[in-house]
Protein backbone atom coordinates (compact mmCIF):
# COMPACT_ATOMS: atom_id res chain seq x y z
CA MET A 1 24.38 -44.24 -33.44
CA GLY A 2 25.18 -44.10 -29.74
CA SER A 3 27.45 -41.09 -30.22
CA ASN A 4 24.84 -39.20 -32.23
CA TRP A 5 22.20 -40.02 -29.63
CA LYS A 6 24.40 -38.60 -26.88
CA LYS A 7 25.03 -35.43 -28.90
CA THR A 8 21.31 -35.03 -29.50
CA CYS A 9 20.58 -35.41 -25.78
CA VAL A 10 23.25 -32.89 -24.84
CA LEU A 11 21.95 -30.41 -27.42
CA ALA A 12 18.39 -30.87 -26.14
CA LEU A 13 19.53 -30.31 -22.57
CA VAL A 14 21.40 -27.15 -23.57
CA LEU A 15 18.35 -25.82 -25.40
CA MET A 16 16.08 -26.64 -22.46
CA LEU A 17 18.50 -24.96 -20.06
CA GLY A 18 18.60 -21.88 -22.29
CA VAL A 19 14.81 -21.66 -22.37
CA PHE A 20 14.66 -22.11 -18.59
CA MET A 21 17.28 -19.42 -17.97
CA ALA A 22 15.59 -17.00 -20.37
CA SER A 23 12.29 -17.55 -18.55
CA ALA A 24 13.93 -17.16 -15.14
CA ASN A 25 15.64 -13.95 -16.18
CA ALA A 26 12.62 -12.47 -17.95
CA GLY A 27 11.67 -9.11 -16.55
CA ASN A 28 8.36 -8.48 -14.85
CA ILE A 29 6.96 -6.60 -17.84
CA GLU A 30 7.39 -9.68 -20.05
CA LYS A 31 5.97 -12.01 -17.40
CA ILE A 32 2.93 -9.79 -16.85
CA LYS A 33 2.22 -9.48 -20.57
CA GLN A 34 2.60 -13.21 -21.11
CA ARG A 35 0.19 -13.83 -18.24
CA GLY A 36 -2.21 -11.17 -19.53
CA ALA A 37 -2.77 -9.71 -16.08
CA LEU A 38 -1.13 -7.46 -13.50
CA ILE A 39 -1.47 -9.01 -10.05
CA ALA A 40 -1.61 -6.19 -7.50
CA GLY A 41 -1.59 -6.56 -3.74
CA VAL A 42 -4.01 -4.11 -2.10
CA LYS A 43 -5.59 -3.86 1.30
CA ASP A 44 -9.21 -4.95 1.61
CA ALA A 45 -10.22 -3.19 4.83
CA VAL A 46 -8.63 0.27 4.62
CA VAL A 47 -11.16 2.87 3.48
CA PRO A 48 -10.79 4.55 1.02
CA PHE A 49 -7.52 3.05 -0.27
CA GLY A 50 -8.65 -0.56 -0.61
CA PHE A 51 -11.87 -2.04 0.75
CA VAL A 52 -14.78 -4.28 -0.19
CA ASP A 53 -17.74 -2.35 -1.62
CA PRO A 54 -20.76 -3.69 0.30
CA ASP A 55 -23.02 -3.20 -2.74
CA THR A 56 -20.88 -5.04 -5.28
CA ASN A 57 -18.67 -7.17 -3.00
CA GLN A 58 -15.73 -6.00 -5.14
CA LEU A 59 -12.41 -4.52 -4.01
CA VAL A 60 -12.40 -0.79 -4.71
CA GLY A 61 -10.49 2.29 -3.63
CA PHE A 62 -7.81 4.82 -4.47
CA ASP A 63 -5.01 2.24 -4.60
CA VAL A 64 -7.15 -0.03 -6.79
CA ASP A 65 -7.68 2.77 -9.33
CA ILE A 66 -3.94 3.54 -9.41
CA CYS A 67 -3.23 -0.13 -10.11
CA ARG A 68 -5.87 -0.19 -12.83
CA ALA A 69 -4.12 2.68 -14.60
CA ILE A 70 -0.82 0.76 -14.51
CA ALA A 71 -2.53 -2.36 -15.89
CA GLN A 72 -3.99 -0.29 -18.72
CA LYS A 73 -0.52 1.06 -19.48
CA LEU A 74 0.68 -2.55 -19.79
CA GLY A 75 -2.35 -3.50 -21.88
CA VAL A 76 -3.44 -6.25 -19.50
CA GLU A 77 -6.29 -6.89 -17.09
CA LEU A 78 -6.02 -6.18 -13.36
CA LYS A 79 -6.18 -8.93 -10.77
CA LEU A 80 -6.24 -8.07 -7.07
CA LYS A 81 -4.97 -9.96 -4.06
CA PRO A 82 -5.69 -8.78 -0.50
CA VAL A 83 -2.64 -7.98 1.62
CA THR A 84 -2.03 -6.64 5.11
CA SER A 85 0.78 -4.51 6.52
CA ALA A 86 2.45 -7.72 7.67
CA THR A 87 2.04 -9.74 4.43
CA ARG A 88 2.55 -7.17 1.65
CA ILE A 89 6.37 -7.35 1.53
CA PRO A 90 6.62 -11.18 1.88
CA MET A 91 4.02 -11.64 -0.86
CA LEU A 92 5.99 -9.32 -3.12
CA THR A 93 9.35 -10.97 -2.49
CA GLN A 94 7.81 -14.43 -2.98
CA GLY A 95 6.38 -13.37 -6.35
CA SER A 96 2.71 -13.94 -5.54
CA ILE A 97 2.02 -10.29 -6.47
CA ASP A 98 3.66 -8.03 -9.09
CA LEU A 99 3.41 -4.87 -7.00
CA ALA A 100 2.00 -3.71 -3.68
CA ALA A 101 -0.29 -0.69 -3.52
CA ALA A 102 -1.03 -0.91 0.17
CA THR A 103 -0.61 2.40 2.03
CA MET A 104 3.09 1.58 2.36
CA THR A 105 5.52 4.21 3.56
CA HIS A 106 8.75 4.35 1.56
CA LYS A 107 11.53 3.64 4.05
CA PHE A 108 15.20 2.91 3.44
CA ALA A 109 14.95 -0.11 5.74
CA ARG A 110 12.37 -1.69 3.42
CA GLU A 111 14.69 -1.31 0.44
CA ASP A 112 16.73 -4.20 1.81
CA SER A 113 14.16 -6.53 0.24
CA ILE A 114 12.05 -4.52 -2.27
CA ASP A 115 12.16 -1.45 -4.49
CA PHE A 116 9.75 1.49 -4.53
CA SER A 117 8.13 3.79 -7.03
CA ILE A 118 8.25 7.54 -6.64
CA THR A 119 5.90 8.91 -3.98
CA TYR A 120 2.31 8.62 -5.22
CA PHE A 121 0.57 9.76 -2.02
CA MET A 122 1.70 11.90 0.90
CA ASP A 123 0.36 11.59 4.41
CA GLY A 124 1.40 11.82 8.07
CA GLN A 125 0.73 9.79 11.20
CA LYS A 126 -1.75 11.01 13.83
CA ILE A 127 -4.00 9.55 16.52
CA LEU A 128 -7.74 8.83 16.57
CA VAL A 129 -9.50 9.12 19.94
CA LYS A 130 -12.96 9.38 21.40
CA LYS A 131 -14.17 12.97 21.42
CA ASP A 132 -14.80 12.97 25.16
CA SER A 133 -11.49 11.27 26.05
CA GLY A 134 -9.64 14.46 26.93
CA ILE A 135 -6.73 13.29 24.77
CA THR A 136 -5.45 16.08 22.53
CA SER A 137 -1.90 14.99 21.73
CA VAL A 138 0.58 12.13 21.93
CA ALA A 139 1.76 13.51 25.27
CA ASP A 140 -1.61 12.53 26.77
CA LEU A 141 -1.06 8.86 25.88
CA ALA A 142 1.49 8.21 28.65
CA GLY A 143 0.41 5.09 30.53
CA LYS A 144 -2.40 4.38 28.04
CA LYS A 145 -2.95 1.61 25.48
CA VAL A 146 -2.69 2.52 21.80
CA GLY A 147 -3.83 0.30 18.94
CA THR A 148 -2.27 -0.01 15.49
CA ALA A 149 -1.59 -2.65 12.80
CA LYS A 150 1.08 -5.34 12.83
CA GLY A 151 3.97 -4.69 10.48
CA SER A 152 3.23 -0.98 10.06
CA THR A 153 5.58 1.95 10.55
CA SER A 154 3.03 3.24 13.07
CA GLU A 155 4.18 0.64 15.62
CA LYS A 156 7.71 1.98 15.72
CA ASN A 157 6.77 5.66 15.37
CA ILE A 158 4.34 5.74 18.29
CA LYS A 159 6.83 3.99 20.57
CA GLN A 160 9.40 6.65 19.74
CA ALA A 161 6.90 9.51 20.07
CA GLN A 162 5.48 8.27 23.39
CA PRO A 163 7.68 5.64 25.07
CA LYS A 164 5.34 5.51 28.08
CA CYS A 165 2.34 4.18 26.17
CA LYS A 166 1.58 0.47 25.63
CA VAL A 167 1.21 -0.46 21.96
CA LEU A 168 -1.26 -3.21 21.05
CA SER A 169 -0.81 -4.48 17.48
CA PHE A 170 -3.81 -5.88 15.63
CA GLU A 171 -4.16 -7.73 12.34
CA GLY A 172 -5.55 -4.59 10.72
CA TYR A 173 -6.83 -1.10 11.45
CA PRO A 174 -10.53 -2.06 11.61
CA GLN A 175 -9.68 -4.40 14.50
CA ALA A 176 -7.73 -1.63 16.23
CA PHE A 177 -10.67 0.75 15.78
CA LEU A 178 -13.05 -1.84 17.19
CA ALA A 179 -10.83 -1.99 20.27
CA LEU A 180 -11.13 1.80 20.57
CA ARG A 181 -14.91 1.65 20.28
CA GLN A 182 -14.99 -1.05 22.97
CA GLY A 183 -12.74 0.95 25.29
CA LYS A 184 -9.87 -1.56 25.12
CA VAL A 185 -7.45 1.08 23.81
CA ALA A 186 -7.40 4.84 24.34
CA ALA A 187 -6.33 5.67 20.78
CA VAL A 188 -5.62 4.26 17.35
CA THR A 189 -2.61 5.54 15.48
CA THR A 190 -1.73 5.41 11.80
CA ASP A 191 -1.77 7.74 8.80
CA SER A 192 -4.35 10.50 9.00
CA THR A 193 -6.21 9.44 5.84
CA ILE A 194 -6.64 5.90 7.16
CA LEU A 195 -7.90 7.34 10.45
CA LEU A 196 -10.30 9.53 8.45
CA GLY A 197 -11.63 6.42 6.71
CA LEU A 198 -12.13 4.62 10.03
CA LYS A 199 -13.83 7.61 11.64
CA ASN A 200 -16.22 8.35 8.78
CA SER A 201 -17.12 4.69 8.30
CA ALA A 202 -18.35 4.44 11.90
CA PRO A 203 -22.09 4.62 12.68
CA ASN A 204 -21.38 7.69 14.84
CA PRO A 205 -18.35 9.49 13.32
CA GLU A 206 -19.03 12.61 15.36
CA ASP A 207 -17.98 10.70 18.50
CA TYR A 208 -14.34 10.53 17.34
CA VAL A 209 -11.65 13.08 16.54
CA ILE A 210 -8.26 12.95 14.84
CA ALA A 211 -6.01 14.68 17.35
CA GLY A 212 -2.61 16.26 17.71
CA ASP A 213 0.18 17.18 15.33
CA PHE A 214 1.76 14.83 12.82
CA ILE A 215 3.95 12.25 14.50
CA SER A 216 5.90 11.54 11.32
CA PRO A 217 5.70 12.10 7.55
CA GLU A 218 4.42 9.12 5.58
CA PRO A 219 5.31 9.21 1.86
CA TYR A 220 3.59 6.28 0.15
CA GLY A 221 5.37 4.34 -2.58
CA LEU A 222 4.26 1.37 -4.65
CA GLY A 223 6.23 -1.68 -3.56
CA LEU A 224 8.04 -3.27 -6.51
CA PRO A 225 10.30 -6.33 -7.02
CA GLU A 226 13.97 -5.62 -6.48
CA ASN A 227 16.37 -5.00 -9.34
CA ASP A 228 13.93 -4.62 -12.23
CA SER A 229 14.58 -1.11 -13.50
CA ASP A 230 12.44 -1.54 -16.64
CA PHE A 231 9.34 -2.33 -14.60
CA ARG A 232 10.10 0.41 -12.07
CA ASP A 233 10.58 2.94 -14.89
CA LEU A 234 7.26 1.95 -16.47
CA VAL A 235 5.43 2.37 -13.16
CA ASN A 236 7.08 5.75 -12.53
CA ARG A 237 6.30 6.99 -16.03
CA THR A 238 2.68 5.92 -15.57
CA LEU A 239 2.42 7.87 -12.30
CA VAL A 240 3.99 10.97 -13.88
CA ASP A 241 1.68 10.70 -16.90
CA LEU A 242 -1.34 10.39 -14.60
CA TRP A 243 -0.29 13.56 -12.79
CA ASN A 244 0.54 15.57 -15.93
CA SER A 245 -2.68 14.57 -17.69
CA GLY A 246 -4.89 15.43 -14.71
CA GLU A 247 -6.07 11.84 -14.39
CA TYR A 248 -4.39 11.49 -10.99
CA GLN A 249 -6.36 14.47 -9.70
CA LYS A 250 -9.61 12.88 -10.96
CA ILE A 251 -8.82 9.64 -9.13
CA TYR A 252 -7.84 11.60 -6.02
CA ASN A 253 -11.03 13.67 -6.03
CA LYS A 254 -13.13 10.54 -6.50
CA TRP A 255 -11.96 9.32 -3.10
CA PHE A 256 -10.72 12.44 -1.27
CA GLY A 257 -12.44 15.35 -3.03
CA PRO A 258 -14.94 17.78 -1.49
CA ASP A 259 -17.88 15.62 -2.61
CA SER A 260 -16.48 12.46 -0.99
CA LYS A 261 -16.90 11.18 2.56
CA TYR A 262 -13.15 11.53 3.12
CA TYR A 263 -12.36 15.08 2.06
CA LEU A 264 -8.67 15.86 2.17
CA PRO A 265 -7.33 18.78 0.10
CA LEU A 266 -4.60 17.85 -2.36
CA ASN A 267 -1.86 20.09 -0.95
CA TRP A 268 1.25 18.30 -2.20
CA LYS A 269 2.76 17.80 -5.66
CA MET A 270 4.19 14.67 -7.17
CA GLU A 271 7.89 14.77 -8.00
CA ILE A 272 7.85 15.10 -11.78
CA TRP A 273 10.89 13.92 -13.70
CA PRO A 274 11.38 15.41 -17.20
CA TYR A 275 11.40 13.04 -20.18
């Protein structure tokens, strides 16, 4: 009786361990489908990529619509969690989000901790200044304060482009833009589309200009958990299908088309891999 009891306990422990290991090793696709929802990290104050619609109090934007298409591909609902430039990678590595669609530049340095999708949006870094500031390029920022967001590539890029400026890092770009409006910084620097959103969301957009040449190219990728090729392949196939079907262009024009507040011609092409 005692021997059989011990064997039963050992067998139960082995079965429990097997179930635990199978769950631990389950890919993100299985986990998402079991949960019934894709949890996407998006920004909530970066117009028009991810921001709170004042009429509905809901998170909306270009990145939100891209995530919704991926959720539909998986056959699950979409749940959104706000992230910032500083929190998006930690939240992804900790597993509190399944992917990050958060104006994130694909850099080799970031691949130490996460993976990326193919480029789904192409941009470049510039500066936003007051129209009457006399600032026309990065060269004019020597000795001046420049605002940007913590944890962004913009911090490093502006220091390299103009070592003589003083960089002030804020929690987000709206806070940096507020500092510009209050005269606490001479410029805000980040990707041109984000600057366009800041400028055109202001009560007096005509008082600001996006100046100078591109400081650096900024290819956006969706941040994904490391070492899950099945999930990465599904996301990449979804992006390619969106482009080939014309659905990507519809989403793009909704937020950046000629009838939007943030017109930016679609002058780049997604890298399309054959099936």
